[in-house]
């Protein structure tokens, strides 16, 4: 019987950084980061919920608060302040992904093995919300993408409810924006 997906998936563009790690490193990372990430995800979810409620009452204040939240997210993001020998602009790090609340697929330059652990850092756009998590490679396929010829599928491991809700909220906002843009395009065409 074919496995049914637990969550819907959407194509998105995120700032993405990842590295392969051992099972022991994955375990240590989970222990260290679970509480911190859960608190950040819960705060982001609460802020987004309140901003959605404020939108109809005062759009200008909502916009300012949303911009401020994005700025703070950008400043605290592990991707926004990454110190490397070569500077990588965010536009160069932007990656097309197929994202759900329990996993993602993306193209990679390097092949990976099934069951390999990845430490994944994403910055969701446009909120700049940072998401750091551990994933397990569940599949790798050759693709026709010349720059990144491997399609890597990853299941997220050990997500807390707040982190999953953050991803679900992001996907809902992404889908809502896409529907608004499509409706606007249809209205403009008429």
C-alpha atoms as a PDB file:
ATOM      1  CA  UNK A   1       0.000   0.000   0.000  1.00  0.00           C
ATOM      2  CA  UNK A   2       1.289   3.467  -0.864  1.00  0.00           C
ATOM      3  CA  UNK A   3       2.154   5.668   2.135  1.00  0.00           C
ATOM      4  CA  UNK A   4      -0.075   8.721   2.443  1.00  0.00           C
ATOM      5  CA  UNK A   5       1.515  12.076   3.125  1.00  0.00           C
ATOM      6  CA  UNK A   6       0.876  13.496   6.568  1.00  0.00           C
ATOM      7  CA  UNK A   7       0.962  17.153   5.484  1.00  0.00           C
ATOM      8  CA  UNK A   8       0.526  19.035   2.259  1.00  0.00           C
ATOM      9  CA  UNK A   9       3.652  20.157   0.418  1.00  0.00           C
ATOM     10  CA  UNK A  10       4.322  23.448  -1.324  1.00  0.00           C
ATOM     11  CA  UNK A  11       7.140  24.718  -3.476  1.00  0.00           C
ATOM     12  CA  UNK A  12       8.949  27.539  -1.712  1.00  0.00           C
ATOM     13  CA  UNK A  13      12.192  29.470  -1.765  1.00  0.00           C
ATOM     14  CA  UNK A  14      14.159  29.637   1.481  1.00  0.00           C
ATOM     15  CA  UNK A  15      17.646  30.492   2.630  1.00  0.00           C
ATOM     16  CA  UNK A  16      19.076  27.016   3.193  1.00  0.00           C
ATOM     17  CA  UNK A  17      22.254  25.698   4.732  1.00  0.00           C
ATOM     18  CA  UNK A  18      22.866  22.097   5.698  1.00  0.00           C
ATOM     19  CA  UNK A  19      25.648  19.722   6.628  1.00  0.00           C
ATOM     20  CA  UNK A  20      25.875  15.990   7.103  1.00  0.00           C
ATOM     21  CA  UNK A  21      26.458  14.854  10.671  1.00  0.00           C
ATOM     22  CA  UNK A  22      26.881  11.566  12.526  1.00  0.00           C
ATOM     23  CA  UNK A  23      24.085   9.899  14.481  1.00  0.00           C
ATOM     24  CA  UNK A  24      25.847  10.880  17.718  1.00  0.00           C
ATOM     25  CA  UNK A  25      26.127  14.541  16.622  1.00  0.00           C
ATOM     26  CA  UNK A  26      22.437  14.480  15.707  1.00  0.00           C
ATOM     27  CA  UNK A  27      21.540  13.175  19.158  1.00  0.00           C
ATOM     28  CA  UNK A  28      23.706  15.773  20.908  1.00  0.00           C
ATOM     29  CA  UNK A  29      22.246  18.564  18.768  1.00  0.00           C
ATOM     30  CA  UNK A  30      18.681  17.506  19.574  1.00  0.00           C
ATOM     31  CA  UNK A  31      19.359  17.527  23.316  1.00  0.00           C
ATOM     32  CA  UNK A  32      21.018  20.954  23.178  1.00  0.00           C
ATOM     33  CA  UNK A  33      18.646  22.771  20.827  1.00  0.00           C
ATOM     34  CA  UNK A  34      15.211  21.329  21.479  1.00  0.00           C
ATOM     35  CA  UNK A  35      14.154  23.727  24.240  1.00  0.00           C
ATOM     36  CA  UNK A  36      15.628  26.839  22.592  1.00  0.00           C
ATOM     37  CA  UNK A  37      14.096  26.155  19.182  1.00  0.00           C
ATOM     38  CA  UNK A  38      10.770  25.248  20.684  1.00  0.00           C
ATOM     39  CA  UNK A  39      10.621  28.579  22.521  1.00  0.00           C
ATOM     40  CA  UNK A  40      11.589  30.526  19.377  1.00  0.00           C
ATOM     41  CA  UNK A  41       9.022  28.691  17.273  1.00  0.00           C
ATOM     42  CA  UNK A  42       6.315  29.292  19.871  1.00  0.00           C
ATOM     43  CA  UNK A  43       7.120  33.018  20.007  1.00  0.00           C
ATOM     44  CA  UNK A  44       7.093  33.281  16.203  1.00  0.00           C
ATOM     45  CA  UNK A  45       3.744  31.480  16.025  1.00  0.00           C
ATOM     46  CA  UNK A  46       2.234  33.753  18.707  1.00  0.00           C
ATOM     47  CA  UNK A  47       3.535  36.919  17.005  1.00  0.00           C
ATOM     48  CA  UNK A  48       2.151  35.796  13.638  1.00  0.00           C
ATOM     49  CA  UNK A  49      -1.224  34.986  15.169  1.00  0.00           C
ATOM     50  CA  UNK A  50      -1.519  38.384  16.857  1.00  0.00           C
ATOM     51  CA  UNK A  51      -0.414  40.187  13.683  1.00  0.00           C
ATOM     52  CA  UNK A  52      -3.115  38.365  11.730  1.00  0.00           C
ATOM     53  CA  UNK A  53      -5.716  39.525  14.265  1.00  0.00           C
ATOM     54  CA  UNK A  54      -4.451  43.132  14.129  1.00  0.00           C
ATOM     55  CA  UNK A  55      -4.401  43.273  10.317  1.00  0.00           C
ATOM     56  CA  UNK A  56      -8.073  44.211   9.952  1.00  0.00           C
ATOM     57  CA  UNK A  57      -8.010  46.718  12.829  1.00  0.00           C
ATOM     58  CA  UNK A  58      -4.873  48.646  11.950  1.00  0.00           C
ATOM     59  CA  UNK A  59      -2.960  47.612   8.814  1.00  0.00           C
ATOM     60  CA  UNK A  60      -0.235  50.266   9.199  1.00  0.00           C
ATOM     61  CA  UNK A  61       0.732  49.217  12.722  1.00  0.00           C
ATOM     62  CA  UNK A  62       0.545  45.575  11.685  1.00  0.00           C
ATOM     63  CA  UNK A  63       2.938  46.255   8.799  1.00  0.00           C
ATOM     64  CA  UNK A  64       5.441  48.041  11.071  1.00  0.00           C
ATOM     65  CA  UNK A  65       5.321  45.261  13.671  1.00  0.00           C
ATOM     66  CA  UNK A  66       5.716  42.625  10.951  1.00  0.00           C
ATOM     67  CA  UNK A  67       8.737  44.454   9.511  1.00  0.00           C
ATOM     68  CA  UNK A  68      10.253  44.752  12.978  1.00  0.00           C
ATOM     69  CA  UNK A  69       9.719  41.035  13.601  1.00  0.00           C
ATOM     70  CA  UNK A  70      11.395  40.216  10.268  1.00  0.00           C
ATOM     71  CA  UNK A  71      14.345  42.431  11.169  1.00  0.00           C
ATOM     72  CA  UNK A  72      14.801  40.729  14.551  1.00  0.00           C
ATOM     73  CA  UNK A  73      14.533  37.305  12.908  1.00  0.00           C
ATOM     74  CA  UNK A  74      17.165  38.294  10.367  1.00  0.00           C
ATOM     75  CA  UNK A  75      19.529  39.513  13.086  1.00  0.00           C
ATOM     76  CA  UNK A  76      19.265  36.373  15.203  1.00  0.00           C
ATOM     77  CA  UNK A  77      19.248  33.909  12.328  1.00  0.00           C
ATOM     78  CA  UNK A  78      22.202  31.541  12.329  1.00  0.00           C
ATOM     79  CA  UNK A  79      22.339  32.083   8.556  1.00  0.00           C
ATOM     80  CA  UNK A  80      22.277  35.857   8.787  1.00  0.00           C
ATOM     81  CA  UNK A  81      25.414  36.083  10.903  1.00  0.00           C
ATOM     82  CA  UNK A  82      27.352  33.079   9.684  1.00  0.00           C
ATOM     83  CA  UNK A  83      31.071  33.736   9.707  1.00  0.00           C
ATOM     84  CA  UNK A  84      32.814  32.049   6.818  1.00  0.00           C
ATOM     85  CA  UNK A  85      35.984  32.696   4.868  1.00  0.00           C
ATOM     86  CA  UNK A  86      33.961  33.463   1.780  1.00  0.00           C
ATOM     87  CA  UNK A  87      30.950  35.691   2.094  1.00  0.00           C
ATOM     88  CA  UNK A  88      27.820  34.217   0.560  1.00  0.00           C
ATOM     89  CA  UNK A  89      25.002  36.591  -0.225  1.00  0.00           C
ATOM     90  CA  UNK A  90      21.490  35.536   0.722  1.00  0.00           C
ATOM     91  CA  UNK A  91      20.435  35.528  -2.909  1.00  0.00           C
ATOM     92  CA  UNK A  92      23.155  32.954  -3.646  1.00  0.00           C
ATOM     93  CA  UNK A  93      21.969  30.809  -0.719  1.00  0.00           C
ATOM     94  CA  UNK A  94      18.295  30.916  -1.723  1.00  0.00           C
ATOM     95  CA  UNK A  95      17.145  27.453  -2.592  1.00  0.00           C
ATOM     96  CA  UNK A  96      13.958  26.150  -4.142  1.00  0.00           C
ATOM     97  CA  UNK A  97      12.491  23.491  -1.874  1.00  0.00           C
ATOM     98  CA  UNK A  98       9.359  21.406  -1.710  1.00  0.00           C
ATOM     99  CA  UNK A  99       8.417  21.931   1.921  1.00  0.00           C
ATOM    100  CA  UNK A 100       5.966  20.361   4.344  1.00  0.00           C
ATOM    101  CA  UNK A 101       5.624  20.376   8.113  1.00  0.00           C
ATOM    102  CA  UNK A 102       7.421  17.024   8.335  1.00  0.00           C
ATOM    103  CA  UNK A 103      10.061  17.155   5.598  1.00  0.00           C
ATOM    104  CA  UNK A 104      11.334  18.666   2.385  1.00  0.00           C
ATOM    105  CA  UNK A 105      12.966  17.940  -0.920  1.00  0.00           C
ATOM    106  CA  UNK A 106      15.703  20.049  -2.506  1.00  0.00           C
ATOM    107  CA  UNK A 107      18.379  19.838  -5.175  1.00  0.00           C
ATOM    108  CA  UNK A 108      21.983  19.376  -4.082  1.00  0.00           C
ATOM    109  CA  UNK A 109      25.352  19.515  -5.781  1.00  0.00           C
ATOM    110  CA  UNK A 110      26.616  16.618  -3.683  1.00  0.00           C
ATOM    111  CA  UNK A 111      25.184  13.104  -3.504  1.00  0.00           C
ATOM    112  CA  UNK A 112      24.023  11.853  -0.122  1.00  0.00           C
ATOM    113  CA  UNK A 113      23.190   8.426   1.217  1.00  0.00           C
ATOM    114  CA  UNK A 114      19.850   7.272   2.565  1.00  0.00           C
ATOM    115  CA  UNK A 115      19.647   7.380   6.376  1.00  0.00           C
ATOM    116  CA  UNK A 116      22.338  10.066   6.504  1.00  0.00           C
ATOM    117  CA  UNK A 117      21.664  12.757   9.136  1.00  0.00           C
ATOM    118  CA  UNK A 118      21.606  16.435   8.190  1.00  0.00           C
ATOM    119  CA  UNK A 119      21.718  19.520  10.367  1.00  0.00           C
ATOM    120  CA  UNK A 120      19.439  21.912   8.475  1.00  0.00           C
ATOM    121  CA  UNK A 121      19.214  25.660   8.946  1.00  0.00           C
ATOM    122  CA  UNK A 122      16.533  27.530   7.031  1.00  0.00           C
ATOM    123  CA  UNK A 123      15.315  31.066   6.970  1.00  0.00           C
ATOM    124  CA  UNK A 124      11.703  31.252   5.892  1.00  0.00           C
ATOM    125  CA  UNK A 125      10.795  34.118   3.595  1.00  0.00           C
ATOM    126  CA  UNK A 126       9.483  36.772   3.840  1.00  0.00           C
ATOM    127  CA  UNK A 127       9.315  36.539   7.665  1.00  0.00           C
ATOM    128  CA  UNK A 128      13.024  35.673   8.034  1.00  0.00           C
ATOM    129  CA  UNK A 129      11.966  33.198  10.735  1.00  0.00           C
ATOM    130  CA  UNK A 130      14.923  30.938  11.493  1.00  0.00           C
ATOM    131  CA  UNK A 131      14.358  27.190  11.603  1.00  0.00           C
ATOM    132  CA  UNK A 132      17.138  24.868  12.781  1.00  0.00           C
ATOM    133  CA  UNK A 133      16.476  21.164  12.796  1.00  0.00           C
ATOM    134  CA  UNK A 134      17.772  17.675  12.190  1.00  0.00           C
ATOM    135  CA  UNK A 135      16.648  15.599   9.249  1.00  0.00           C
ATOM    136  CA  UNK A 136      17.223  12.122   7.890  1.00  0.00           C
ATOM    137  CA  UNK A 137      17.756  11.557   4.176  1.00  0.00           C
ATOM    138  CA  UNK A 138      14.994   9.221   2.987  1.00  0.00           C
ATOM    139  CA  UNK A 139      15.788   9.319  -0.707  1.00  0.00           C
ATOM    140  CA  UNK A 140      18.214  10.621  -3.298  1.00  0.00           C
ATOM    141  CA  UNK A 141      17.508  10.640  -7.027  1.00  0.00           C
ATOM    142  CA  UNK A 142      19.330  11.916 -10.060  1.00  0.00           C
ATOM    143  CA  UNK A 143      17.654  14.981 -11.558  1.00  0.00           C
ATOM    144  CA  UNK A 144      18.000  17.019 -14.709  1.00  0.00           C
ATOM    145  CA  UNK A 145      19.150  20.095 -12.765  1.00  0.00           C
ATOM    146  CA  UNK A 146      22.638  20.807 -14.150  1.00  0.00           C
ATOM    147  CA  UNK A 147      23.811  22.951 -11.203  1.00  0.00           C
ATOM    148  CA  UNK A 148      22.503  20.564  -8.512  1.00  0.00           C
ATOM    149  CA  UNK A 149      21.977  17.127 -10.071  1.00  0.00           C
ATOM    150  CA  UNK A 150      20.687  15.313  -6.971  1.00  0.00           C
ATOM    151  CA  UNK A 151      17.150  15.550  -5.611  1.00  0.00           C
ATOM    152  CA  UNK A 152      17.383  14.915  -1.864  1.00  0.00           C
ATOM    153  CA  UNK A 153      14.308  14.062   0.203  1.00  0.00           C
ATOM    154  CA  UNK A 154      14.554  14.616   3.968  1.00  0.00           C
ATOM    155  CA  UNK A 155      12.245  13.803   6.878  1.00  0.00           C
ATOM    156  CA  UNK A 156      12.512  16.184   9.833  1.00  0.00           C
ATOM    157  CA  UNK A 157      13.296  14.417  13.115  1.00  0.00           C
ATOM    158  CA  UNK A 158      12.213  15.278  16.629  1.00  0.00           C
ATOM    159  CA  UNK A 159      10.145  18.349  15.771  1.00  0.00           C
ATOM    160  CA  UNK A 160       8.315  19.880  18.695  1.00  0.00           C
ATOM    161  CA  UNK A 161       4.710  20.946  18.267  1.00  0.00           C
ATOM    162  CA  UNK A 162       5.653  24.647  18.199  1.00  0.00           C
ATOM    163  CA  UNK A 163       8.194  24.078  15.404  1.00  0.00           C
ATOM    164  CA  UNK A 164       5.701  22.091  13.377  1.00  0.00           C
ATOM    165  CA  UNK A 165       3.075  24.791  13.895  1.00  0.00           C
ATOM    166  CA  UNK A 166       5.577  27.411  12.710  1.00  0.00           C
ATOM    167  CA  UNK A 167       6.100  25.428   9.491  1.00  0.00           C
ATOM    168  CA  UNK A 168       2.350  24.871   9.059  1.00  0.00           C
ATOM    169  CA  UNK A 169       1.686  28.589   9.597  1.00  0.00           C
ATOM    170  CA  UNK A 170       4.413  29.497   7.084  1.00  0.00           C
ATOM    171  CA  UNK A 171       2.937  27.108   4.503  1.00  0.00           C
ATOM    172  CA  UNK A 172      -0.556  28.481   5.118  1.00  0.00           C
ATOM    173  CA  UNK A 173       0.721  32.050   4.593  1.00  0.00           C
ATOM    174  CA  UNK A 174       2.564  30.938   1.441  1.00  0.00           C
ATOM    175  CA  UNK A 175      -0.566  29.336   0.031  1.00  0.00           C
ATOM    176  CA  UNK A 176      -2.685  32.383   0.965  1.00  0.00           C
ATOM    177  CA  UNK A 177      -0.252  34.741  -0.815  1.00  0.00           C
ATOM    178  CA  UNK A 178      -0.259  32.531  -3.905  1.00  0.00           C
ATOM    179  CA  UNK A 179      -4.074  32.476  -3.985  1.00  0.00           C
ATOM    180  CA  UNK A 180      -4.267  36.268  -3.550  1.00  0.00           C
ATOM    181  CA  UNK A 181      -1.754  36.795  -6.361  1.00  0.00           C
ATOM    182  CA  UNK A 182      -3.639  34.397  -8.642  1.00  0.00           C
ATOM    183  CA  UNK A 183      -6.952  36.089  -7.895  1.00  0.00           C
ATOM    184  CA  UNK A 184      -5.401  39.512  -8.492  1.00  0.00           C
ATOM    185  CA  UNK A 185      -3.967  38.341 -11.812  1.00  0.00           C
ATOM    186  CA  UNK A 186      -7.371  36.989 -12.847  1.00  0.00           C
ATOM    187  CA  UNK A 187      -9.040  40.271 -11.868  1.00  0.00           C
ATOM    188  CA  UNK A 188      -6.432  42.256 -13.794  1.00  0.00           C
ATOM    189  CA  UNK A 189      -6.952  40.065 -16.857  1.00  0.00           C
ATOM    190  CA  UNK A 190     -10.712  40.664 -16.825  1.00  0.00           C
END
